[in-house]
Amino acid sequence: MTHTTHEFNRFADVRAALADPALVPELPATDGGPVGASVAWLRATVARFSSGEPHRRRRALVEAELARLEPAALWRAAATGPKGEVRVRVVRALAEALGMPEPGAVAEAVTVVAGAYFGGTDPAADEAVARLVACLAPAGADEAALEAVANRIGLLVQACDATATLVESCAGAALVKSPAGSDVPPAAGAAPVRAATGRAVPPAAGDTPTDAATSPDVPPARVLREDPPVRTMRRIAARATRVGGREIAEGDVVLLDLATAQRTRPVPLTFGAPPRVCPGRAHALALADGLLQRPLTAFARLHHQAAATPLLLPNAWDYASAAALAAQGFPAIGTTSLGVAAAAGLPDGAAATADATLALARSLGRGSFLFTVDAEGGFSDDVEEVAALARELYDAGAAGINLEDGRPDGTLAPVELHAAKIAAVKAAVPALFVNARTDTHWLGRQREETAARLARYEQAGADGVFVPGLSDPGGIAALTATLLVPLNILYTPTGPTVAELAALGVRRVSLGSLLYRRALAAAVTAATAVRDGRPADLTAPSYAEVQTLAEP
């Protein structure tokens, strides 16, 4: 029977096809092969080429493997591991992080399997599968155990080529910005990456002499949109369906041109779309960053821990509140622009607190804790002025900065302007973690633009993105399915818990002005209780304890 081939390159059509359960990955033609000892068996047993219930079961196996890996640990393994061919380094770092025996031998075998994974036959690849199963499967493994092993191998094979291609694309993009063989000077006025106080981690000895502070770094999100490692996808219609107004018959072939489709939209399709979003996005990016020797600061590392432990960021308004929170074990502290403004008798969000914000950063810089600064929209629409402020904050000791696209008049800044601010800050201070905030939900304006705005900010170089006012679990999950950088959500007492936010893929949870407002309420409650003779809990730190907080 002859089947029709359908080609799609429009964003809406490609996204619809990726989300259509009737369109499934094509299993490469095969003559079969022995269980546990052939590429044909491997293809037939992994999530990549399955659909329906087998796909859900096998995907869960892969997700469980990835859930126990910290992306930051993968970065470290890739950055400090043995040198060699990129594909081997990718697989070795991942195999080592997964606790596999003989990661070097595993990596060599996986690169052989990868050559035949998407089609064809190769006796050497069959032998490599047999060696991997013998190495990874428990003695007397039953069918379920072999399926688990097959999906561990499949995870390594998927990472082998896709992640290596991403690394090569990022390296190529950097070379386009700076011709090969040239000495790349730091960006004008760029601050050096510092290893002190846990900010930036330098490359390992013997690695390339340039790093993210001095090399022409291209954000991975931009590379993934402009030069995606996976440019096309092929699907088979398991049953009749309809895409882009076309009737697709059972057995028809569907070719999806991802590279062309995403040129017209900022949200990339490289890592798929629900229900087949790649579960290893954060891990692939961490491996790529490690291989490219992009420094990972201690503050950035807090955003790339195991999936169940997002960074809970309490927000302070002065040195004492920050020090008290740090003393309770919070690994990093944010500032609250409302608290800073109110304490100075100034309005929040009106670009009126640049001096007060910088003064607070210099005060916090006396401490030994990591902190990030809420700088509203940078207090200027001149991108060079925003970059200069960011350099001053970094010099004061800040590890991060929040930049928002909300404006004093209640409108949103143009996407291009906010993206330019982000790019200018990253060029001037590469080690400063830029958390790009969109106020689409906070202001209740242009909410339909949220994903597109965040994608543009990622591509400008943002290290994380922030959507205050968004608390709907479905909306949060939709964003985490497409984002490449960590998502920050503002905690609200009536919204999801921190554990629930973590389950949705949120990597940072801020308390915003909550603590400052609670402190005001507590002060007023205590004062009025004393005045009115009402009983009240007046437990408080002692005078001496507060004095101790002031010691740097």
Protein backbone atom coordinates (compact mmCIF):
# COMPACT_ATOMS: atom_id res chain seq x y z
CA MET A 1 0.00 0.00 0.00
CA THR A 2 1.31 3.46 -0.91
CA HIS A 3 1.37 6.11 1.79
CA THR A 4 1.54 9.86 1.37
CA THR A 5 4.34 11.99 2.80
CA HIS A 6 3.23 15.30 4.32
CA GLU A 7 5.71 18.10 5.01
CA PHE A 8 5.04 20.92 7.49
CA ASN A 9 7.15 23.99 8.22
CA ARG A 10 4.66 26.45 9.78
CA PHE A 11 5.08 26.88 13.53
CA ALA A 12 1.44 26.24 14.40
CA ASP A 13 1.28 23.11 12.24
CA VAL A 14 4.55 21.68 13.56
CA ARG A 15 3.54 22.30 17.16
CA ALA A 16 0.14 20.72 16.56
CA ALA A 17 1.77 17.68 14.96
CA LEU A 18 4.20 17.27 17.86
CA ALA A 19 1.27 17.34 20.28
CA ASP A 20 -0.92 14.96 18.26
CA PRO A 21 -0.95 11.49 19.93
CA ALA A 22 -1.91 9.94 16.59
CA LEU A 23 1.51 10.86 15.17
CA VAL A 24 4.22 8.65 16.62
CA PRO A 25 7.96 8.23 16.03
CA GLU A 26 8.82 5.83 13.24
CA LEU A 27 10.59 2.68 14.33
CA PRO A 28 13.43 2.09 11.83
CA ALA A 29 12.96 -0.95 9.64
CA THR A 30 14.70 -4.00 11.06
CA ASP A 31 14.95 -7.72 10.64
CA GLY A 32 14.84 -8.20 14.40
CA GLY A 33 17.64 -9.21 16.66
CA PRO A 34 18.39 -11.10 19.88
CA VAL A 35 17.14 -9.66 23.17
CA GLY A 36 19.83 -7.73 24.99
CA ALA A 37 22.32 -8.09 22.16
CA SER A 38 21.18 -6.03 19.18
CA VAL A 39 20.37 -2.49 18.13
CA ALA A 40 17.03 -3.76 16.79
CA TRP A 41 16.07 -4.94 20.29
CA LEU A 42 17.23 -1.64 21.76
CA ARG A 43 15.11 0.43 19.36
CA ALA A 44 12.06 -1.73 20.05
CA THR A 45 12.45 -1.30 23.81
CA VAL A 46 13.23 2.40 24.36
CA ALA A 47 10.88 5.34 24.90
CA ARG A 48 12.23 7.15 21.81
CA PHE A 49 10.55 4.82 19.30
CA SER A 50 7.47 3.80 21.27
CA SER A 51 4.00 5.23 21.78
CA GLY A 52 0.94 4.76 23.98
CA GLU A 53 1.31 2.90 27.26
CA PRO A 54 4.81 1.49 26.50
CA HIS A 55 6.02 5.05 25.84
CA ARG A 56 4.55 6.34 29.12
CA ARG A 57 6.10 3.47 31.07
CA ARG A 58 9.51 3.82 29.43
CA ARG A 59 9.52 7.60 29.66
CA ALA A 60 8.88 7.26 33.40
CA LEU A 61 12.01 5.10 33.64
CA VAL A 62 14.07 7.82 31.94
CA GLU A 63 12.54 10.58 34.05
CA ALA A 64 13.37 8.66 37.23
CA GLU A 65 17.00 8.37 36.14
CA LEU A 66 17.22 12.08 35.38
CA ALA A 67 15.38 13.16 38.54
CA ARG A 68 18.24 11.98 40.72
CA LEU A 69 20.82 13.98 38.78
CA GLU A 70 21.70 17.55 39.63
CA PRO A 71 22.43 19.48 36.42
CA ALA A 72 25.15 21.32 38.36
CA ALA A 73 26.87 17.97 39.02
CA LEU A 74 26.74 17.19 35.30
CA TRP A 75 28.31 20.57 34.55
CA ARG A 76 31.12 19.78 36.96
CA ALA A 77 31.67 16.30 35.52
CA ALA A 78 31.81 17.64 31.97
CA ALA A 79 34.01 20.61 32.85
CA THR A 80 36.58 18.60 34.79
CA GLY A 81 36.48 15.21 33.07
CA PRO A 82 39.09 13.75 30.72
CA LYS A 83 39.55 15.47 27.38
CA GLY A 84 38.82 13.81 24.06
CA GLU A 85 36.17 13.58 21.37
CA VAL A 86 33.05 15.56 22.33
CA ARG A 87 30.57 12.69 22.01
CA VAL A 88 32.67 10.46 24.25
CA ARG A 89 33.01 13.23 26.83
CA VAL A 90 29.25 13.82 26.86
CA VAL A 91 28.41 10.16 27.44
CA ARG A 92 31.21 9.58 29.93
CA ALA A 93 30.09 12.52 32.09
CA LEU A 94 26.48 11.32 32.05
CA ALA A 95 27.39 7.67 32.69
CA GLU A 96 29.61 8.69 35.59
CA ALA A 97 26.87 10.86 37.12
CA LEU A 98 24.43 7.93 36.81
CA GLY A 99 26.85 5.74 38.76
CA MET A 100 27.52 3.32 35.91
CA PRO A 101 30.61 1.11 36.16
CA GLU A 102 33.48 1.77 33.76
CA PRO A 103 32.08 5.06 32.36
CA GLY A 104 34.91 5.32 29.83
CA ALA A 105 34.16 1.92 28.33
CA VAL A 106 30.42 2.67 28.42
CA ALA A 107 31.03 5.90 26.50
CA GLU A 108 33.06 4.19 23.80
CA ALA A 109 30.37 1.52 23.32
CA VAL A 110 27.54 4.07 23.21
CA THR A 111 29.22 6.06 20.43
CA VAL A 112 29.31 2.86 18.35
CA VAL A 113 25.61 2.17 19.04
CA ALA A 114 24.71 5.76 18.12
CA GLY A 115 25.89 5.20 14.58
CA ALA A 116 23.14 2.67 13.94
CA TYR A 117 20.48 3.84 16.39
CA PHE A 118 18.29 5.70 13.90
CA GLY A 119 18.47 3.08 11.14
CA GLY A 120 20.58 0.50 9.43
CA THR A 121 22.42 -2.54 10.69
CA ASP A 122 25.92 -2.82 12.07
CA PRO A 123 27.38 -5.96 13.70
CA ALA A 124 29.77 -3.76 15.69
CA ALA A 125 26.81 -1.82 17.10
CA ASP A 126 25.06 -5.09 18.03
CA GLU A 127 28.20 -6.21 19.85
CA ALA A 128 28.36 -2.86 21.63
CA VAL A 129 24.75 -3.27 22.83
CA ALA A 130 25.60 -6.73 24.17
CA ARG A 131 28.61 -5.31 26.06
CA LEU A 132 26.51 -2.52 27.55
CA VAL A 133 23.78 -4.90 28.69
CA ALA A 134 26.37 -7.23 30.24
CA CYS A 135 27.87 -4.25 32.07
CA LEU A 136 24.62 -2.65 33.27
CA ALA A 137 22.09 -5.45 33.74
CA PRO A 138 21.92 -7.41 37.01
CA ALA A 139 22.55 -11.14 36.85
CA GLY A 140 19.46 -13.06 35.77
CA ALA A 141 17.69 -9.86 34.68
CA ASP A 142 14.04 -10.39 33.75
CA GLU A 143 12.13 -8.57 31.00
CA ALA A 144 11.35 -5.54 33.20
CA ALA A 145 14.97 -5.18 34.28
CA LEU A 146 16.17 -5.44 30.69
CA GLU A 147 13.66 -2.76 29.66
CA ALA A 148 15.07 -0.47 32.35
CA VAL A 149 18.62 -1.13 31.12
CA ALA A 150 17.59 -0.51 27.51
CA ASN A 151 16.20 2.90 28.45
CA ARG A 152 19.35 3.80 30.39
CA ILE A 153 21.32 2.98 27.24
CA GLY A 154 18.81 4.91 25.13
CA LEU A 155 19.27 7.93 27.37
CA LEU A 156 23.03 7.84 26.77
CA VAL A 157 22.61 7.37 23.01
CA GLN A 158 20.18 10.30 22.76
CA ALA A 159 22.64 12.51 24.65
CA CYS A 160 25.57 11.34 22.55
CA ASP A 161 24.74 13.05 19.26
CA ALA A 162 22.19 15.71 20.26
CA THR A 163 24.26 17.22 23.07
CA ALA A 164 27.50 16.98 21.10
CA THR A 165 25.81 18.80 18.21
CA LEU A 166 24.61 21.49 20.61
CA VAL A 167 28.17 21.94 21.90
CA GLU A 168 29.51 22.21 18.36
CA SER A 169 26.76 24.68 17.40
CA CYS A 170 27.50 26.89 20.42
CA ALA A 171 31.22 26.74 19.72
CA GLY A 172 30.59 27.57 16.07
CA ALA A 173 28.39 30.52 17.00
CA ALA A 174 31.17 31.86 19.23
CA LEU A 175 33.64 31.52 16.37
CA VAL A 176 31.33 33.48 14.11
CA LYS A 177 31.44 36.31 16.61
CA SER A 178 35.23 36.06 16.96
CA PRO A 179 37.36 34.63 14.12
CA ALA A 180 39.30 31.49 14.95
CA GLY A 181 42.81 32.11 16.10
CA SER A 182 42.19 35.62 17.37
CA ASP A 183 42.79 36.68 20.93
CA VAL A 184 39.36 37.63 22.25
CA PRO A 185 39.49 40.68 24.55
CA PRO A 186 36.98 41.16 27.33
CA ALA A 187 33.88 43.16 26.51
CA ALA A 188 34.45 46.86 27.06
CA GLY A 189 34.45 47.46 30.80
CA ALA A 190 33.63 43.84 31.53
CA ALA A 191 34.09 42.77 35.12
CA PRO A 192 36.39 39.79 35.69
CA VAL A 193 34.96 36.52 36.88
CA ARG A 194 35.94 36.07 40.49
CA ALA A 195 36.37 32.79 42.33
CA ALA A 196 36.17 34.48 45.75
CA THR A 197 32.99 34.29 47.87
CA GLY A 198 31.70 31.46 45.74
CA ARG A 199 30.71 33.48 42.70
CA ALA A 200 32.29 32.00 39.60
CA VAL A 201 34.01 28.68 39.12
CA PRO A 202 36.97 28.99 36.73
CA PRO A 203 37.88 26.41 34.10
CA ALA A 204 40.00 23.49 35.18
CA ALA A 205 43.75 23.82 34.82
CA GLY A 206 44.91 23.16 31.30
CA ASP A 207 41.60 24.07 29.69
CA THR A 208 41.01 26.81 27.16
CA PRO A 209 42.39 30.13 28.46
CA THR A 210 39.20 32.04 27.70
CA ASP A 211 36.01 31.72 29.73
CA ALA A 212 32.56 33.26 29.83
CA ALA A 213 33.99 36.55 31.05
CA THR A 214 36.27 36.96 28.06
CA SER A 215 34.95 34.80 25.22
CA PRO A 216 32.21 35.91 22.81
CA ASP A 217 29.53 33.85 24.52
CA VAL A 218 26.32 33.17 22.59
CA PRO A 219 23.32 32.19 24.77
CA PRO A 220 22.37 28.53 24.18
CA ALA A 221 18.73 29.55 23.79
CA ARG A 222 19.68 31.67 20.79
CA VAL A 223 21.77 28.88 19.28
CA LEU A 224 18.93 26.39 19.73
CA ARG A 225 16.58 28.68 17.83
CA GLU A 226 18.95 29.69 15.04
CA ASP A 227 20.92 26.46 14.61
CA PRO A 228 19.02 23.65 16.35
CA PRO A 229 20.82 20.30 16.79
CA VAL A 230 17.60 18.54 15.71
CA ARG A 231 16.37 20.25 12.54
CA THR A 232 13.69 17.81 11.38
CA MET A 233 11.47 15.15 12.91
CA ARG A 234 9.70 12.27 11.23
CA ARG A 235 6.38 10.85 12.41
CA ILE A 236 4.07 8.05 11.28
CA ALA A 237 0.29 8.27 11.59
CA ALA A 238 -0.79 5.43 13.89
CA ARG A 239 -4.36 6.35 12.98
CA ALA A 240 -6.08 8.91 10.78
CA THR A 241 -5.79 12.49 11.95
CA ARG A 242 -5.80 16.07 10.67
CA VAL A 243 -3.02 18.67 10.80
CA GLY A 244 -3.02 22.16 9.30
CA GLY A 245 -6.21 21.46 7.40
CA ARG A 246 -4.77 18.32 5.79
CA GLU A 247 -6.17 14.84 6.18
CA ILE A 248 -3.49 12.40 7.33
CA ALA A 249 -4.31 8.74 6.67
CA GLU A 250 -3.14 5.88 8.84
CA GLY A 251 0.40 4.93 7.81
CA ASP A 252 1.18 8.30 6.20
CA VAL A 253 4.59 9.85 6.83
CA VAL A 254 4.80 13.33 8.41
CA LEU A 255 8.00 15.34 8.07
CA LEU A 256 8.36 18.29 10.46
CA ASP A 257 10.81 21.07 9.60
CA LEU A 258 11.60 22.44 13.06
CA ALA A 259 14.38 24.74 11.92
CA THR A 260 12.15 26.64 9.48
CA ALA A 261 9.09 26.65 11.76
CA GLN A 262 10.80 28.27 14.72
CA ARG A 263 12.37 31.07 12.69
CA THR A 264 9.04 32.90 12.82
CA ARG A 265 8.45 32.42 16.57
CA PRO A 266 10.74 33.02 19.53
CA VAL A 267 9.71 29.84 21.39
CA PRO A 268 11.98 27.03 20.13
CA LEU A 269 10.71 23.56 19.25
CA THR A 270 14.09 21.86 19.60
CA PHE A 271 13.12 19.94 22.72
CA GLY A 272 9.70 18.96 21.41
CA ALA A 273 6.25 19.90 22.69
CA PRO A 274 3.77 18.28 25.07
CA PRO A 275 3.22 15.37 25.45
CA ARG A 276 6.75 14.60 24.15
CA VAL A 277 8.85 17.32 25.74
CA CYS A 278 12.42 16.13 26.22
CA PRO A 279 12.86 15.40 29.96
CA GLY A 280 16.62 15.96 29.75
CA ARG A 281 16.68 19.60 28.61
CA ALA A 282 18.33 20.99 31.73
CA HIS A 283 20.81 18.11 31.80
CA ALA A 284 21.80 18.53 28.15
CA LEU A 285 22.35 22.26 28.63
CA ALA A 286 24.42 21.65 31.78
CA LEU A 287 26.62 19.14 29.93
CA ALA A 288 27.06 21.58 27.06
CA ASP A 289 27.97 24.44 29.38
CA GLY A 290 30.49 22.25 31.17
CA LEU A 291 32.14 21.12 27.94
CA LEU A 292 32.25 24.73 26.72
CA GLN A 293 33.90 25.75 30.00
CA ARG A 294 31.21 28.29 30.80
CA PRO A 295 31.69 29.19 34.46
CA LEU A 296 28.84 28.20 36.78
CA THR A 297 28.66 30.52 39.77
CA ALA A 298 27.70 29.32 43.22
CA PHE A 299 24.49 31.34 42.96
CA ALA A 300 23.64 29.88 39.54
CA ARG A 301 24.32 26.39 40.90
CA LEU A 302 21.50 26.88 43.41
CA HIS A 303 19.08 26.95 40.46
CA HIS A 304 20.33 23.63 39.08
CA GLN A 305 19.94 21.24 42.00
CA ALA A 306 17.87 18.06 42.01
CA ALA A 307 14.33 18.63 40.72
CA ALA A 308 12.75 18.30 44.16
CA THR A 309 14.75 21.16 45.69
CA PRO A 310 14.07 24.56 44.11
CA LEU A 311 15.86 27.59 45.52
CA LEU A 312 13.62 29.25 48.12
CA LEU A 313 14.70 32.89 48.10
CA PRO A 314 13.62 35.08 51.05
CA ASN A 315 13.74 38.82 50.36
CA ALA A 316 15.35 41.29 52.75
CA TRP A 317 15.15 45.09 52.99
CA ASP A 318 18.23 45.91 55.06
CA TYR A 319 21.42 44.33 56.37
CA ALA A 320 19.88 43.00 59.61
CA SER A 321 16.99 41.23 57.87
CA ALA A 322 19.37 39.68 55.31
CA ALA A 323 21.83 38.56 57.98
CA ALA A 324 19.05 37.09 60.13
CA LEU A 325 17.75 35.06 57.19
CA ALA A 326 21.24 33.90 56.23
CA ALA A 327 21.79 32.80 59.84
CA GLN A 328 18.80 30.48 59.48
CA GLY A 329 20.51 28.58 56.67
CA PHE A 330 19.03 30.17 53.56
CA PRO A 331 21.77 29.78 50.95
CA ALA A 332 21.01 33.09 49.24
CA ILE A 333 19.03 36.23 49.95
CA GLY A 334 17.12 38.53 47.61
CA THR A 335 16.15 42.14 48.14
CA THR A 336 12.60 43.47 47.92
CA SER A 337 12.15 46.65 45.92
CA LEU A 338 8.97 47.47 47.87
CA GLY A 339 10.81 47.15 51.17
CA VAL A 340 13.72 49.28 49.96
CA ALA A 341 11.39 51.94 48.57
CA ALA A 342 9.03 52.04 51.54
CA ALA A 343 11.91 52.22 54.02
CA ALA A 344 13.21 55.27 52.13
CA GLY A 345 9.76 56.87 51.85
CA LEU A 346 9.73 56.44 48.07
CA PRO A 347 7.30 54.74 45.66
CA ASP A 348 8.11 51.27 44.40
CA GLY A 349 8.36 50.60 40.68
CA ALA A 350 8.85 54.26 39.84
CA ALA A 351 12.62 54.15 39.12
CA ALA A 352 13.12 56.32 42.21
CA THR A 353 15.34 54.05 44.32
CA ALA A 354 18.56 53.58 42.34
CA ASP A 355 20.70 55.18 45.06
CA ALA A 356 18.95 53.33 47.88
CA THR A 357 19.27 50.02 46.02
CA LEU A 358 22.97 50.51 45.39
CA ALA A 359 23.54 51.57 49.01
CA LEU A 360 21.80 48.42 50.24
CA ALA A 361 23.93 46.26 47.92
CA ARG A 362 27.10 47.82 49.32
CA SER A 363 25.82 47.15 52.83
CA LEU A 364 24.96 43.53 52.05
CA GLY A 365 28.34 43.09 50.40
CA ARG A 366 29.91 43.23 53.87
CA GLY A 367 28.30 39.89 54.68
CA SER A 368 29.40 36.39 53.81
CA PHE A 369 26.14 35.36 52.14
CA LEU A 370 25.13 35.30 48.49
CA PHE A 371 22.58 37.92 47.51
CA THR A 372 20.70 39.11 44.46
CA VAL A 373 19.25 42.58 43.91
CA ASP A 374 15.82 43.64 42.67
CA ALA A 375 16.70 46.56 40.40
CA GLU A 376 13.20 47.16 38.96
CA GLY A 377 13.77 47.88 35.23
CA GLY A 378 17.36 48.98 35.77
CA PHE A 379 16.19 52.53 36.69
CA SER A 380 16.77 53.64 33.10
CA ASP A 381 15.89 52.87 29.50
CA ASP A 382 19.47 53.60 28.44
CA VAL A 383 20.98 50.13 28.13
CA GLU A 384 24.49 51.40 28.86
CA GLU A 385 23.29 53.00 32.09
CA VAL A 386 21.62 49.73 33.09
CA ALA A 387 24.85 47.83 32.35
CA ALA A 388 26.84 50.35 34.39
CA LEU A 389 24.48 49.89 37.34
CA ALA A 390 24.85 46.12 37.05
CA ARG A 391 28.64 46.46 37.20
CA GLU A 392 28.34 48.61 40.33
CA LEU A 393 26.07 46.03 41.96
CA TYR A 394 28.47 43.23 41.09
CA ASP A 395 31.42 45.21 42.43
CA ALA A 396 29.42 45.73 45.63
CA GLY A 397 29.16 41.94 45.98
CA ALA A 398 25.86 41.04 44.30
CA ALA A 399 25.62 37.60 42.70
CA GLY A 400 22.46 38.37 40.74
CA ILE A 401 20.08 41.03 39.50
CA ASN A 402 16.35 41.13 38.74
CA LEU A 403 15.31 43.20 35.74
CA GLU A 404 11.60 43.67 35.04
CA ASP A 405 9.77 44.79 31.92
CA GLY A 406 6.94 46.49 33.84
CA ARG A 407 7.01 50.29 33.65
CA PRO A 408 5.97 53.00 36.16
CA ASP A 409 2.91 53.86 34.05
CA GLY A 410 1.60 50.29 34.26
CA THR A 411 2.56 49.31 30.72
CA LEU A 412 5.14 46.80 29.53
CA ALA A 413 8.45 47.82 28.02
CA PRO A 414 8.98 46.80 24.39
CA VAL A 415 10.43 43.30 24.18
CA GLU A 416 13.39 44.53 22.13
CA LEU A 417 14.33 47.15 24.74
CA HIS A 418 14.23 44.72 27.66
CA ALA A 419 16.18 42.12 25.69
CA ALA A 420 18.79 44.78 24.91
CA LYS A 421 19.14 45.58 28.62
CA ILE A 422 19.70 41.89 29.40
CA ALA A 423 22.28 41.52 26.63
CA ALA A 424 24.12 44.66 27.76
CA VAL A 425 24.30 43.45 31.36
CA LYS A 426 25.59 40.02 30.35
CA ALA A 427 28.20 41.60 28.08
CA ALA A 428 29.42 43.90 30.85
CA VAL A 429 29.20 41.45 33.77
CA PRO A 430 29.02 37.84 32.51
CA ALA A 431 29.16 36.33 35.99
CA LEU A 432 26.13 38.28 37.26
CA PHE A 433 23.02 36.06 37.25
CA VAL A 434 20.32 37.92 35.32
CA ASN A 435 16.78 37.00 36.32
CA ALA A 436 14.57 38.50 33.61
CA ARG A 437 11.12 39.33 34.88
CA THR A 438 8.01 39.81 32.79
CA ASP A 439 5.04 41.57 34.38
CA THR A 440 2.39 40.24 32.02
CA HIS A 441 0.61 38.53 34.92
CA TRP A 442 1.59 41.02 37.63
CA LEU A 443 0.06 43.91 35.68
CA GLY A 444 -2.60 41.78 33.97
CA ARG A 445 -1.50 42.95 30.53
CA GLN A 446 -0.70 41.01 27.35
CA ARG A 447 -0.65 37.68 29.17
CA GLU A 448 -0.72 35.88 25.84
CA GLU A 449 2.79 37.25 25.21
CA THR A 450 4.32 35.65 28.31
CA ALA A 451 6.00 32.66 26.66
CA ALA A 452 7.25 34.70 23.70
CA ARG A 453 8.69 37.40 25.96
CA LEU A 454 10.49 34.85 28.12
CA ALA A 455 11.90 33.14 25.03
CA ARG A 456 13.30 36.46 23.76
CA TYR A 457 14.86 37.16 27.16
CA GLU A 458 16.45 33.70 27.21
CA GLN A 459 17.91 34.32 23.79
CA ALA A 460 19.30 37.68 24.96
CA GLY A 461 21.26 35.86 27.66
CA ALA A 462 19.01 35.73 30.73
CA ASP A 463 20.12 33.09 33.24
CA GLY A 464 16.62 32.72 34.65
CA VAL A 465 13.13 34.14 34.12
CA PHE A 466 10.52 35.37 36.60
CA VAL A 467 6.72 35.59 36.23
CA PRO A 468 5.23 37.15 39.39
CA GLY A 469 1.47 36.92 39.57
CA LEU A 470 1.31 33.55 37.84
CA SER A 471 -0.01 30.89 40.23
CA ASP A 472 -2.16 28.68 38.00
CA PRO A 473 -0.56 25.21 37.93
CA GLY A 474 -1.51 24.65 34.29
CA GLY A 475 0.02 27.94 33.22
CA ILE A 476 3.20 27.24 35.16
CA ALA A 477 3.53 23.75 33.68
CA ALA A 478 3.03 25.13 30.17
CA LEU A 479 5.93 27.52 30.66
CA THR A 480 8.33 24.99 32.17
CA ALA A 481 7.64 22.73 29.18
CA THR A 482 9.19 25.27 26.82
CA LEU A 483 11.75 27.18 28.91
CA LEU A 484 15.46 26.44 28.73
CA VAL A 485 16.46 28.43 31.82
CA PRO A 486 15.11 28.13 35.38
CA LEU A 487 11.62 29.52 36.05
CA ASN A 488 11.12 31.73 39.13
CA ILE A 489 7.64 32.04 40.64
CA LEU A 490 6.48 34.40 43.40
CA TYR A 491 5.12 32.46 46.37
CA THR A 492 1.61 33.39 47.45
CA PRO A 493 -0.09 31.97 50.56
CA THR A 494 -3.15 31.04 48.49
CA GLY A 495 -1.19 29.51 45.62
CA PRO A 496 0.75 26.24 45.20
CA THR A 497 3.13 25.14 47.93
CA VAL A 498 6.88 25.06 47.36
CA ALA A 499 6.69 21.27 46.89
CA GLU A 500 3.89 21.66 44.36
CA LEU A 501 5.82 24.32 42.48
CA ALA A 502 8.85 22.01 42.40
CA ALA A 503 6.70 19.24 40.91
CA LEU A 504 5.64 21.68 38.16
CA GLY A 505 9.29 22.29 37.26
CA VAL A 506 9.83 25.61 39.05
CA ARG A 507 13.49 26.08 40.03
CA ARG A 508 13.29 29.25 42.16
CA VAL A 509 10.59 30.48 44.52
CA SER A 510 10.74 34.08 45.78
CA LEU A 511 8.94 35.48 48.81
CA GLY A 512 8.99 39.02 47.41
CA SER A 513 7.69 41.68 49.79
CA LEU A 514 5.85 39.14 51.97
CA LEU A 515 8.39 39.19 54.81
CA TYR A 516 8.59 43.00 54.83
CA ARG A 517 4.81 43.31 54.98
CA ARG A 518 4.63 40.68 57.71
CA ALA A 519 7.31 42.56 59.68
CA LEU A 520 5.28 45.79 59.42
CA ALA A 521 2.16 43.96 60.56
CA ALA A 522 4.03 42.38 63.48
CA ALA A 523 5.44 45.75 64.58
CA VAL A 524 2.03 47.43 64.49
CA THR A 525 0.38 44.48 66.26
CA ALA A 526 2.96 44.52 69.06
CA ALA A 527 2.77 48.29 69.53
CA THR A 528 -1.03 48.42 69.62
CA ALA A 529 -1.21 45.41 71.94
CA VAL A 530 1.07 47.15 74.46
CA ARG A 531 -0.86 50.41 74.10
CA ASP A 532 -4.25 48.74 74.54
CA GLY A 533 -3.19 46.34 77.28
CA ARG A 534 -4.00 43.29 75.19
CA PRO A 535 -2.02 40.07 75.60
CA ALA A 536 0.44 39.51 72.77
CA ASP A 537 3.40 37.31 71.95
CA LEU A 538 6.32 39.74 72.21
CA THR A 539 9.05 37.15 71.73
CA ALA A 540 11.90 38.79 69.81
CA PRO A 541 15.66 38.52 69.31
CA SER A 542 17.62 40.09 72.15
CA TYR A 543 19.46 43.38 71.82
CA ALA A 544 22.76 41.49 71.85
CA GLU A 545 21.59 39.06 69.16
CA VAL A 546 20.66 41.91 66.84
CA GLN A 547 23.98 43.58 67.53
CA THR A 548 25.69 40.35 66.51
CA LEU A 549 23.88 40.41 63.18
CA ALA A 550 25.56 43.70 62.36
CA GLU A 551 29.01 42.15 62.52
CA PRO A 552 30.29 41.53 58.95
